[in-house]
Amino acid sequence: MSTFILKLVFCSFLTFVAWKITSTFGSQLAPLSLVAMSVIWGIMFARYIVEIIPSVKYFAEKAATQKWQGKYYVFENCHIRFYLIDQTIWIPLRDLKQLMQPAFNERELRLLGEAHGPIPDPEHDEPGLSEEGLLRLLSNRTEHRRASEQMIRFRNWLLQNALPNVRRLPQSAANGQSRSEQ
């Protein structure tokens, strides 16, 4: 730490002296001293600069992903969160909008009744679909012969992988555990 402070004082002193010397030759030359001194600053503090870049990157990634770590599922590069509340799985509409083709319309959502609405968790005030509502929507979209291959794969992935896994491991849900366990 003391070497850092000594380097800082030394570089500051040299910069000040260089500025004063070049400013005596004219005010237009003074900024050139800063350019020249930036090389000395870079040489003196290269180690610290190189060490701080990976640290900043690590802390930025950690801050961005900490709350999501292990709390979402991925289907075709789309993150999907599942909330397990009183043994009912809820999925935010925002996560599903990326996947559903064609997009949801108000009529479809209104017909779902109680299976559509705000996720009943005070910490997550966003609209969502219950497991039952999502499966009803998917069955409507995959039963006819013009069903998209993506919707069929999504339905199979939900039924075979994601939903059973959320029930088996409640801590993998976005809220961490079911309400009945709290």
N, C-alpha and C. Protein backbone atom coordinates (compact mmCIF):
# COMPACT_ATOMS: atom_id res chain seq x y z
N MET A 1 0.83 -1.19 0.00
CA MET A 1 0.00 0.00 0.00
C MET A 1 0.87 1.25 0.00
N SER A 2 1.96 1.20 0.77
CA SER A 2 2.83 2.38 0.83
C SER A 2 3.52 2.63 -0.51
N THR A 3 3.85 1.56 -1.27
CA THR A 3 4.46 1.76 -2.59
C THR A 3 3.47 2.40 -3.54
N PHE A 4 2.20 2.04 -3.42
CA PHE A 4 1.16 2.63 -4.25
C PHE A 4 1.07 4.13 -3.97
N ILE A 5 1.07 4.49 -2.71
CA ILE A 5 0.97 5.91 -2.33
C ILE A 5 2.20 6.67 -2.79
N LEU A 6 3.38 6.06 -2.65
CA LEU A 6 4.60 6.71 -3.10
C LEU A 6 4.57 6.92 -4.62
N LYS A 7 4.12 5.92 -5.37
CA LYS A 7 4.00 6.05 -6.82
C LYS A 7 3.01 7.14 -7.18
N LEU A 8 1.91 7.21 -6.46
CA LEU A 8 0.89 8.21 -6.71
C LEU A 8 1.43 9.61 -6.48
N VAL A 9 2.13 9.80 -5.37
CA VAL A 9 2.72 11.11 -5.06
C VAL A 9 3.77 11.48 -6.10
N PHE A 10 4.62 10.52 -6.45
CA PHE A 10 5.69 10.76 -7.42
C PHE A 10 5.11 11.16 -8.78
N CYS A 11 4.13 10.41 -9.27
CA CYS A 11 3.52 10.71 -10.57
C CYS A 11 2.77 12.04 -10.54
N SER A 12 2.11 12.33 -9.45
CA SER A 12 1.39 13.60 -9.33
C SER A 12 2.38 14.76 -9.36
N PHE A 13 3.49 14.61 -8.64
CA PHE A 13 4.52 15.65 -8.61
C PHE A 13 5.10 15.86 -10.01
N LEU A 14 5.45 14.76 -10.70
CA LEU A 14 6.00 14.87 -12.05
C LEU A 14 5.01 15.52 -13.01
N THR A 15 3.75 15.19 -12.89
CA THR A 15 2.72 15.77 -13.75
C THR A 15 2.59 17.26 -13.50
N PHE A 16 2.62 17.64 -12.23
CA PHE A 16 2.53 19.06 -11.88
C PHE A 16 3.73 19.83 -12.44
N VAL A 17 4.92 19.28 -12.26
CA VAL A 17 6.14 19.93 -12.75
C VAL A 17 6.11 20.02 -14.28
N ALA A 18 5.73 18.95 -14.95
CA ALA A 18 5.67 18.96 -16.41
C ALA A 18 4.66 19.99 -16.90
N TRP A 19 3.53 20.11 -16.22
CA TRP A 19 2.51 21.09 -16.61
C TRP A 19 3.06 22.52 -16.47
N LYS A 20 3.72 22.77 -15.35
CA LYS A 20 4.26 24.11 -15.12
C LYS A 20 5.34 24.45 -16.15
N ILE A 21 6.22 23.49 -16.46
CA ILE A 21 7.30 23.75 -17.40
C ILE A 21 6.74 24.02 -18.79
N THR A 22 5.81 23.15 -19.25
CA THR A 22 5.27 23.33 -20.60
C THR A 22 4.36 24.55 -20.70
N SER A 23 3.72 24.94 -19.62
CA SER A 23 2.84 26.12 -19.68
C SER A 23 3.65 27.41 -19.78
N THR A 24 4.93 27.38 -19.37
CA THR A 24 5.76 28.58 -19.54
C THR A 24 6.06 28.83 -21.01
N PHE A 25 6.04 27.77 -21.83
CA PHE A 25 6.30 27.92 -23.26
C PHE A 25 5.05 28.32 -24.04
N GLY A 26 3.94 28.26 -23.39
CA GLY A 26 2.68 28.62 -24.05
C GLY A 26 1.56 27.73 -23.54
N SER A 27 0.37 28.30 -23.46
CA SER A 27 -0.76 27.54 -22.91
C SER A 27 -1.21 26.40 -23.82
N GLN A 28 -0.81 26.44 -25.08
CA GLN A 28 -1.20 25.38 -26.00
C GLN A 28 -0.36 24.12 -25.83
N LEU A 29 0.84 24.25 -25.29
CA LEU A 29 1.72 23.10 -25.10
C LEU A 29 1.45 22.36 -23.79
N ALA A 30 0.81 22.99 -22.84
CA ALA A 30 0.57 22.38 -21.53
C ALA A 30 -0.19 21.06 -21.61
N PRO A 31 -1.25 20.95 -22.44
CA PRO A 31 -1.94 19.65 -22.53
C PRO A 31 -1.06 18.52 -23.07
N LEU A 32 -0.03 18.88 -23.83
CA LEU A 32 0.88 17.84 -24.31
C LEU A 32 1.65 17.18 -23.16
N SER A 33 1.85 17.93 -22.10
CA SER A 33 2.53 17.34 -20.94
C SER A 33 1.68 16.24 -20.33
N LEU A 34 0.36 16.41 -20.37
CA LEU A 34 -0.52 15.35 -19.84
C LEU A 34 -0.44 14.09 -20.67
N VAL A 35 -0.32 14.25 -21.98
CA VAL A 35 -0.18 13.10 -22.85
C VAL A 35 1.12 12.37 -22.55
N ALA A 36 2.20 13.13 -22.41
CA ALA A 36 3.50 12.52 -22.10
C ALA A 36 3.47 11.87 -20.72
N MET A 37 2.85 12.51 -19.78
CA MET A 37 2.83 11.97 -18.41
C MET A 37 1.91 10.75 -18.31
N SER A 38 0.92 10.63 -19.19
CA SER A 38 0.05 9.45 -19.13
C SER A 38 0.84 8.18 -19.39
N VAL A 39 1.91 8.28 -20.16
CA VAL A 39 2.78 7.13 -20.39
C VAL A 39 3.46 6.73 -19.09
N ILE A 40 3.95 7.71 -18.35
CA ILE A 40 4.61 7.40 -17.06
C ILE A 40 3.59 6.84 -16.07
N TRP A 41 2.39 7.42 -16.03
CA TRP A 41 1.34 6.89 -15.16
C TRP A 41 1.04 5.43 -15.54
N GLY A 42 0.95 5.16 -16.83
CA GLY A 42 0.66 3.80 -17.28
C GLY A 42 1.75 2.83 -16.88
N ILE A 43 3.01 3.24 -17.00
CA ILE A 43 4.12 2.37 -16.61
C ILE A 43 4.11 2.13 -15.11
N MET A 44 3.88 3.17 -14.34
CA MET A 44 3.92 3.05 -12.88
C MET A 44 2.74 2.23 -12.33
N PHE A 45 1.59 2.32 -12.98
CA PHE A 45 0.39 1.67 -12.43
C PHE A 45 -0.13 0.53 -13.30
N ALA A 46 0.69 0.03 -14.20
CA ALA A 46 0.26 -1.05 -15.10
C ALA A 46 -0.19 -2.28 -14.33
N ARG A 47 0.55 -2.63 -13.31
CA ARG A 47 0.21 -3.82 -12.52
C ARG A 47 -1.18 -3.69 -11.91
N TYR A 48 -1.47 -2.52 -11.35
CA TYR A 48 -2.77 -2.31 -10.70
C TYR A 48 -3.90 -2.30 -11.73
N ILE A 49 -3.63 -1.71 -12.88
CA ILE A 49 -4.65 -1.67 -13.93
C ILE A 49 -4.96 -3.08 -14.43
N VAL A 50 -3.93 -3.86 -14.64
CA VAL A 50 -4.12 -5.23 -15.13
C VAL A 50 -4.84 -6.08 -14.08
N GLU A 51 -4.55 -5.86 -12.81
CA GLU A 51 -5.20 -6.63 -11.75
C GLU A 51 -6.65 -6.24 -11.52
N ILE A 52 -6.99 -5.00 -11.79
CA ILE A 52 -8.35 -4.55 -11.48
C ILE A 52 -9.36 -4.96 -12.55
N ILE A 53 -8.93 -5.13 -13.79
CA ILE A 53 -9.86 -5.45 -14.88
C ILE A 53 -10.59 -6.77 -14.63
N PRO A 54 -9.89 -7.89 -14.31
CA PRO A 54 -10.64 -9.12 -14.03
C PRO A 54 -11.52 -9.02 -12.79
N SER A 55 -11.08 -8.23 -11.81
CA SER A 55 -11.90 -8.07 -10.59
C SER A 55 -13.20 -7.34 -10.89
N VAL A 56 -13.12 -6.29 -11.69
CA VAL A 56 -14.33 -5.55 -12.06
C VAL A 56 -15.26 -6.44 -12.86
N LYS A 57 -14.70 -7.21 -13.79
CA LYS A 57 -15.50 -8.13 -14.60
C LYS A 57 -16.19 -9.18 -13.71
N TYR A 58 -15.45 -9.74 -12.76
CA TYR A 58 -16.00 -10.76 -11.87
C TYR A 58 -17.15 -10.18 -11.04
N PHE A 59 -16.95 -9.01 -10.45
CA PHE A 59 -17.99 -8.43 -9.61
C PHE A 59 -19.20 -7.98 -10.42
N ALA A 60 -18.98 -7.54 -11.65
CA ALA A 60 -20.11 -7.17 -12.51
C ALA A 60 -20.94 -8.40 -12.87
N GLU A 61 -20.28 -9.50 -13.24
CA GLU A 61 -21.01 -10.73 -13.55
C GLU A 61 -21.73 -11.26 -12.32
N LYS A 62 -21.08 -11.20 -11.18
CA LYS A 62 -21.69 -11.70 -9.95
C LYS A 62 -22.92 -10.87 -9.58
N ALA A 63 -22.82 -9.56 -9.70
CA ALA A 63 -23.95 -8.69 -9.37
C ALA A 63 -25.11 -8.91 -10.34
N ALA A 64 -24.80 -9.16 -11.60
CA ALA A 64 -25.86 -9.33 -12.60
C ALA A 64 -26.55 -10.69 -12.50
N THR A 65 -25.83 -11.71 -12.06
CA THR A 65 -26.40 -13.06 -12.08
C THR A 65 -26.68 -13.65 -10.70
N GLN A 66 -26.35 -12.96 -9.64
CA GLN A 66 -26.47 -13.52 -8.30
C GLN A 66 -27.90 -13.99 -7.99
N LYS A 67 -28.89 -13.15 -8.26
CA LYS A 67 -30.25 -13.52 -7.90
C LYS A 67 -30.81 -14.61 -8.83
N TRP A 68 -30.24 -14.76 -10.02
CA TRP A 68 -30.71 -15.77 -10.97
C TRP A 68 -29.96 -17.08 -10.82
N GLN A 69 -28.86 -17.10 -10.12
CA GLN A 69 -27.99 -18.27 -10.07
C GLN A 69 -28.77 -19.52 -9.63
N GLY A 70 -28.94 -20.45 -10.57
CA GLY A 70 -29.63 -21.69 -10.27
C GLY A 70 -31.13 -21.56 -10.09
N LYS A 71 -31.70 -20.43 -10.46
CA LYS A 71 -33.12 -20.17 -10.21
C LYS A 71 -33.93 -20.01 -11.49
N TYR A 72 -33.45 -20.50 -12.60
CA TYR A 72 -34.19 -20.42 -13.84
C TYR A 72 -33.87 -21.63 -14.70
N TYR A 73 -34.67 -21.84 -15.71
CA TYR A 73 -34.45 -22.92 -16.67
C TYR A 73 -34.25 -22.27 -18.05
N VAL A 74 -33.65 -23.00 -18.95
CA VAL A 74 -33.39 -22.47 -20.29
C VAL A 74 -33.97 -23.41 -21.33
N PHE A 75 -34.76 -22.83 -22.22
CA PHE A 75 -35.26 -23.56 -23.38
C PHE A 75 -34.93 -22.72 -24.61
N GLU A 76 -34.11 -23.26 -25.50
CA GLU A 76 -33.67 -22.58 -26.71
C GLU A 76 -33.18 -21.16 -26.44
N ASN A 77 -32.27 -21.03 -25.50
CA ASN A 77 -31.62 -19.77 -25.13
C ASN A 77 -32.58 -18.74 -24.54
N CYS A 78 -33.73 -19.15 -24.07
CA CYS A 78 -34.66 -18.25 -23.39
C CYS A 78 -34.75 -18.67 -21.93
N HIS A 79 -34.51 -17.71 -21.04
CA HIS A 79 -34.60 -18.00 -19.62
C HIS A 79 -36.06 -18.02 -19.19
N ILE A 80 -36.41 -19.04 -18.44
CA ILE A 80 -37.78 -19.18 -17.95
C ILE A 80 -37.72 -19.42 -16.45
N ARG A 81 -38.43 -18.57 -15.71
CA ARG A 81 -38.49 -18.73 -14.26
C ARG A 81 -39.78 -19.46 -13.90
N PHE A 82 -39.69 -20.29 -12.90
CA PHE A 82 -40.85 -21.00 -12.37
C PHE A 82 -40.96 -20.64 -10.90
N TYR A 83 -42.17 -20.28 -10.47
CA TYR A 83 -42.43 -19.99 -9.06
C TYR A 83 -43.32 -21.08 -8.52
N LEU A 84 -42.91 -21.72 -7.45
CA LEU A 84 -43.71 -22.76 -6.82
C LEU A 84 -44.36 -22.16 -5.59
N ILE A 85 -45.69 -21.95 -5.68
CA ILE A 85 -46.43 -21.30 -4.60
C ILE A 85 -47.61 -22.18 -4.25
N ASP A 86 -47.64 -22.69 -3.04
CA ASP A 86 -48.71 -23.58 -2.57
C ASP A 86 -48.94 -24.73 -3.53
N GLN A 87 -47.86 -25.40 -3.91
CA GLN A 87 -47.87 -26.55 -4.81
C GLN A 87 -48.41 -26.24 -6.21
N THR A 88 -48.49 -24.96 -6.56
CA THR A 88 -48.88 -24.56 -7.90
C THR A 88 -47.70 -23.85 -8.54
N ILE A 89 -47.37 -24.24 -9.75
CA ILE A 89 -46.25 -23.63 -10.45
C ILE A 89 -46.77 -22.47 -11.29
N TRP A 90 -46.14 -21.30 -11.14
CA TRP A 90 -46.49 -20.10 -11.91
C TRP A 90 -45.29 -19.71 -12.77
N ILE A 91 -45.57 -19.26 -13.99
CA ILE A 91 -44.54 -18.86 -14.94
C ILE A 91 -44.86 -17.42 -15.37
N PRO A 92 -43.90 -16.49 -15.27
CA PRO A 92 -44.15 -15.10 -15.68
C PRO A 92 -44.42 -15.00 -17.19
N LEU A 93 -45.38 -14.18 -17.55
CA LEU A 93 -45.72 -13.97 -18.96
C LEU A 93 -44.54 -13.40 -19.74
N ARG A 94 -43.78 -12.55 -19.10
CA ARG A 94 -42.63 -11.94 -19.77
C ARG A 94 -41.65 -13.00 -20.26
N ASP A 95 -41.46 -14.07 -19.49
CA ASP A 95 -40.55 -15.13 -19.89
C ASP A 95 -41.12 -15.96 -21.04
N LEU A 96 -42.45 -16.09 -21.08
CA LEU A 96 -43.08 -16.92 -22.10
C LEU A 96 -43.27 -16.19 -23.43
N LYS A 97 -43.33 -14.86 -23.39
CA LYS A 97 -43.58 -14.10 -24.61
C LYS A 97 -42.51 -14.33 -25.67
N GLN A 98 -41.30 -14.63 -25.23
CA GLN A 98 -40.21 -14.88 -26.18
C GLN A 98 -40.44 -16.16 -26.97
N LEU A 99 -41.11 -17.12 -26.35
CA LEU A 99 -41.24 -18.46 -26.93
C LEU A 99 -42.54 -18.70 -27.68
N MET A 100 -43.61 -18.13 -27.20
CA MET A 100 -44.92 -18.47 -27.73
C MET A 100 -45.12 -17.89 -29.13
N GLN A 101 -45.39 -18.77 -30.08
CA GLN A 101 -45.64 -18.37 -31.46
C GLN A 101 -46.96 -18.99 -31.89
N PRO A 102 -47.94 -18.27 -32.29
CA PRO A 102 -48.04 -16.82 -32.31
C PRO A 102 -48.15 -16.26 -30.89
N ALA A 103 -47.97 -14.97 -30.78
CA ALA A 103 -47.97 -14.31 -29.47
C ALA A 103 -49.35 -14.44 -28.80
N PHE A 104 -49.35 -14.29 -27.47
CA PHE A 104 -50.60 -14.32 -26.72
C PHE A 104 -51.51 -13.20 -27.19
N ASN A 105 -52.79 -13.44 -27.10
CA ASN A 105 -53.73 -12.33 -27.31
C ASN A 105 -54.61 -12.25 -26.07
N GLU A 106 -55.25 -11.13 -25.88
CA GLU A 106 -56.05 -10.88 -24.67
C GLU A 106 -57.19 -11.88 -24.52
N ARG A 107 -57.78 -12.28 -25.61
CA ARG A 107 -58.90 -13.22 -25.55
C ARG A 107 -58.44 -14.56 -24.97
N GLU A 108 -57.31 -15.06 -25.46
CA GLU A 108 -56.78 -16.33 -24.95
C GLU A 108 -56.54 -16.25 -23.45
N LEU A 109 -55.92 -15.16 -23.03
CA LEU A 109 -55.60 -15.02 -21.61
C LEU A 109 -56.85 -14.86 -20.76
N ARG A 110 -57.83 -14.14 -21.28
CA ARG A 110 -59.09 -13.96 -20.54
C ARG A 110 -59.82 -15.28 -20.35
N LEU A 111 -59.75 -16.16 -21.38
CA LEU A 111 -60.43 -17.46 -21.29
C LEU A 111 -59.80 -18.38 -20.25
N LEU A 112 -58.58 -18.09 -19.86
CA LEU A 112 -57.92 -18.94 -18.86
C LEU A 112 -58.45 -18.71 -17.45
N GLY A 113 -59.12 -17.59 -17.22
CA GLY A 113 -59.70 -17.31 -15.91
C GLY A 113 -58.65 -17.20 -14.82
N GLU A 114 -58.81 -18.00 -13.77
CA GLU A 114 -57.92 -17.96 -12.60
C GLU A 114 -56.50 -18.44 -12.91
N ALA A 115 -56.32 -19.12 -14.04
CA ALA A 115 -54.99 -19.63 -14.40
C ALA A 115 -54.10 -18.52 -14.95
N HIS A 116 -54.65 -17.33 -15.13
CA HIS A 116 -53.88 -16.17 -15.59
C HIS A 116 -54.12 -15.03 -14.62
N GLY A 117 -53.07 -14.30 -14.30
CA GLY A 117 -53.19 -13.15 -13.42
C GLY A 117 -51.86 -12.88 -12.74
N PRO A 118 -51.88 -12.01 -11.75
CA PRO A 118 -50.64 -11.73 -11.04
C PRO A 118 -50.15 -12.97 -10.28
N ILE A 119 -48.86 -13.16 -10.30
CA ILE A 119 -48.28 -14.29 -9.56
C ILE A 119 -48.54 -14.03 -8.08
N PRO A 120 -49.16 -14.99 -7.38
CA PRO A 120 -49.55 -14.74 -5.98
C PRO A 120 -48.37 -14.80 -5.01
N ASP A 121 -47.39 -13.97 -5.25
CA ASP A 121 -46.22 -13.89 -4.39
C ASP A 121 -45.94 -12.41 -4.17
N PRO A 122 -45.95 -11.93 -2.94
CA PRO A 122 -45.80 -10.49 -2.72
C PRO A 122 -44.47 -9.93 -3.23
N GLU A 123 -43.45 -10.76 -3.35
CA GLU A 123 -42.16 -10.28 -3.81
C GLU A 123 -42.09 -10.12 -5.33
N HIS A 124 -42.99 -10.78 -6.05
CA HIS A 124 -42.93 -10.77 -7.51
C HIS A 124 -44.27 -10.32 -8.07
N ASP A 125 -44.43 -9.03 -8.22
CA ASP A 125 -45.69 -8.47 -8.69
C ASP A 125 -45.64 -8.35 -10.21
N GLU A 126 -45.88 -9.47 -10.88
CA GLU A 126 -45.92 -9.47 -12.35
C GLU A 126 -46.94 -10.49 -12.80
N PRO A 127 -47.51 -10.28 -13.99
CA PRO A 127 -48.51 -11.22 -14.48
C PRO A 127 -47.87 -12.55 -14.88
N GLY A 128 -48.64 -13.60 -14.72
CA GLY A 128 -48.12 -14.92 -15.06
C GLY A 128 -49.24 -15.89 -15.38
N LEU A 129 -48.82 -17.11 -15.70
CA LEU A 129 -49.75 -18.20 -15.96
C LEU A 129 -49.44 -19.32 -14.98
N SER A 130 -50.48 -19.99 -14.54
CA SER A 130 -50.24 -21.18 -13.73
C SER A 130 -49.87 -22.32 -14.66
N GLU A 131 -49.39 -23.39 -14.07
CA GLU A 131 -49.03 -24.57 -14.86
C GLU A 131 -50.23 -25.04 -15.68
N GLU A 132 -51.38 -25.09 -15.06
CA GLU A 132 -52.60 -25.54 -15.75
C GLU A 132 -52.94 -24.63 -16.93
N GLY A 133 -52.84 -23.32 -16.74
CA GLY A 133 -53.15 -22.38 -17.81
C GLY A 133 -52.18 -22.49 -18.98
N LEU A 134 -50.90 -22.65 -18.67
CA LEU A 134 -49.91 -22.79 -19.74
C LEU A 134 -50.14 -24.07 -20.52
N LEU A 135 -50.45 -25.15 -19.83
CA LEU A 135 -50.68 -26.42 -20.52
C LEU A 135 -51.95 -26.35 -21.38
N ARG A 136 -52.98 -25.63 -20.92
CA ARG A 136 -54.17 -25.45 -21.75
C ARG A 136 -53.86 -24.66 -23.01
N LEU A 137 -53.08 -23.59 -22.85
CA LEU A 137 -52.68 -22.80 -24.02
C LEU A 137 -51.87 -23.65 -25.00
N LEU A 138 -50.93 -24.41 -24.47
CA LEU A 138 -50.10 -25.23 -25.34
C LEU A 138 -50.90 -26.32 -26.02
N SER A 139 -51.86 -26.90 -25.32
CA SER A 139 -52.66 -27.95 -25.97
C SER A 139 -53.48 -27.35 -27.12
N ASN A 140 -53.99 -26.13 -26.95
CA ASN A 140 -54.72 -25.47 -28.04
C ASN A 140 -53.81 -25.20 -29.23
N ARG A 141 -52.56 -24.93 -28.95
CA ARG A 141 -51.63 -24.58 -30.03
C ARG A 141 -50.94 -25.78 -30.66
N THR A 142 -51.00 -26.93 -30.03
CA THR A 142 -50.25 -28.09 -30.56
C THR A 142 -51.14 -29.23 -31.03
N GLU A 143 -52.45 -29.14 -30.86
CA GLU A 143 -53.31 -30.26 -31.25
C GLU A 143 -53.66 -30.26 -32.73
N HIS A 144 -53.63 -29.12 -33.38
CA HIS A 144 -53.97 -29.13 -34.81
C HIS A 144 -52.73 -29.44 -35.63
N ARG A 145 -52.91 -29.77 -36.89
CA ARG A 145 -51.80 -30.25 -37.70
C ARG A 145 -50.87 -29.14 -38.18
N ARG A 146 -51.23 -27.89 -37.96
CA ARG A 146 -50.34 -26.79 -38.31
C ARG A 146 -49.53 -26.32 -37.10
N ALA A 147 -49.45 -27.12 -36.10
CA ALA A 147 -48.70 -26.75 -34.89
C ALA A 147 -47.22 -26.60 -35.23
N SER A 148 -46.60 -25.59 -34.64
CA SER A 148 -45.18 -25.38 -34.91
C SER A 148 -44.36 -26.41 -34.15
N GLU A 149 -43.26 -26.75 -34.74
CA GLU A 149 -42.37 -27.74 -34.12
C GLU A 149 -41.83 -27.21 -32.80
N GLN A 150 -41.57 -25.92 -32.73
CA GLN A 150 -41.05 -25.32 -31.50
C GLN A 150 -42.05 -25.46 -30.36
N MET A 151 -43.35 -25.24 -30.64
CA MET A 151 -44.36 -25.35 -29.58
C MET A 151 -44.47 -26.79 -29.08
N ILE A 152 -44.36 -27.75 -30.00
CA ILE A 152 -44.42 -29.15 -29.60
C ILE A 152 -43.21 -29.50 -28.74
N ARG A 153 -42.02 -29.05 -29.16
CA ARG A 153 -40.81 -29.30 -28.36
C ARG A 153 -40.91 -28.63 -27.00
N PHE A 154 -41.45 -27.41 -26.97
CA PHE A 154 -41.59 -26.69 -25.70
C PHE A 154 -42.54 -27.42 -24.76
N ARG A 155 -43.68 -27.87 -25.29
CA ARG A 155 -44.63 -28.62 -24.46
C ARG A 155 -43.99 -29.89 -23.91
N ASN A 156 -43.28 -30.63 -24.76
CA ASN A 156 -42.62 -31.86 -24.31
C ASN A 156 -41.54 -31.57 -23.28
N TRP A 157 -40.79 -30.48 -23.48
CA TRP A 157 -39.75 -30.11 -22.52
C TRP A 157 -40.38 -29.77 -21.17
N LEU A 158 -41.49 -29.03 -21.21
CA LEU A 158 -42.18 -28.69 -19.96
C LEU A 158 -42.65 -29.94 -19.23
N LEU A 159 -43.33 -30.82 -19.96
CA LEU A 159 -43.93 -32.00 -19.32
C LEU A 159 -42.90 -33.03 -18.87
N GLN A 160 -41.80 -33.16 -19.60
CA GLN A 160 -40.84 -34.20 -19.28
C GLN A 160 -39.69 -33.73 -18.40
N ASN A 161 -39.31 -32.46 -18.50
CA ASN A 161 -38.13 -32.00 -17.78
C ASN A 161 -38.42 -30.93 -16.74
N ALA A 162 -38.91 -29.79 -17.18
CA ALA A 162 -38.98 -28.63 -16.30
C ALA A 162 -39.98 -28.78 -15.15
N LEU A 163 -41.24 -29.05 -15.46
CA LEU A 163 -42.25 -29.11 -14.40
C LEU A 163 -41.98 -30.23 -13.39
N PRO A 164 -41.63 -31.46 -13.83
CA PRO A 164 -41.31 -32.47 -12.82
C PRO A 164 -40.09 -32.09 -11.97
N ASN A 165 -39.12 -31.42 -12.59
CA ASN A 165 -37.94 -31.03 -11.84
C ASN A 165 -38.25 -29.97 -10.79
N VAL A 166 -39.11 -29.01 -11.13
CA VAL A 166 -39.49 -27.98 -10.16
C VAL A 166 -40.24 -28.61 -8.99
N ARG A 167 -41.09 -29.60 -9.27
CA ARG A 167 -41.81 -30.27 -8.18
C ARG A 167 -40.86 -31.11 -7.31
N ARG A 168 -39.91 -31.76 -7.97
CA ARG A 168 -38.98 -32.63 -7.25
C ARG A 168 -37.97 -31.81 -6.44
N LEU A 169 -37.52 -30.67 -7.00
CA LEU A 169 -36.53 -29.82 -6.34
C LEU A 169 -37.08 -28.41 -6.19
N PRO A 170 -37.87 -28.15 -5.16
CA PRO A 170 -38.48 -26.82 -5.02
C PRO A 170 -37.46 -25.68 -4.94
N GLN A 171 -36.25 -25.97 -4.50
CA GLN A 171 -35.25 -24.91 -4.42
C GLN A 171 -34.79 -24.45 -5.80
N SER A 172 -35.14 -25.18 -6.87
CA SER A 172 -34.79 -24.75 -8.22
C SER A 172 -35.80 -23.74 -8.76
N ALA A 173 -36.88 -23.50 -8.05
CA ALA A 173 -37.84 -22.48 -8.46
C ALA A 173 -37.26 -21.10 -8.17
N ALA A 174 -37.77 -20.09 -8.84
CA ALA A 174 -37.23 -18.74 -8.71
C ALA A 174 -37.40 -18.19 -7.30
N ASN A 175 -38.44 -18.63 -6.59
CA ASN A 175 -38.62 -18.18 -5.22
C ASN A 175 -37.94 -19.10 -4.22
N GLY A 176 -37.22 -20.09 -4.68
CA GLY A 176 -36.37 -20.90 -3.82
C GLY A 176 -37.02 -22.06 -3.12
N GLN A 177 -38.24 -21.93 -2.70
CA GLN A 177 -38.94 -23.02 -2.06
C GLN A 177 -40.44 -22.74 -2.10
N SER A 178 -41.20 -23.77 -1.91
CA SER A 178 -42.65 -23.57 -1.97
C SER A 178 -43.09 -22.85 -0.70
N ARG A 179 -44.21 -22.14 -0.78
CA ARG A 179 -44.73 -21.41 0.35
C ARG A 179 -45.11 -22.32 1.50
N SER A 180 -45.57 -23.50 1.18
CA SER A 180 -46.00 -24.39 2.24
C SER A 180 -44.82 -24.88 3.07
N GLU A 181 -43.60 -24.78 2.54
CA GLU A 181 -42.43 -25.19 3.30
C GLU A 181 -41.87 -24.07 4.15
N GLN A 182 -42.30 -22.84 3.92
CA GLN A 182 -41.75 -21.71 4.67
C GLN A 182 -42.27 -21.66 6.08
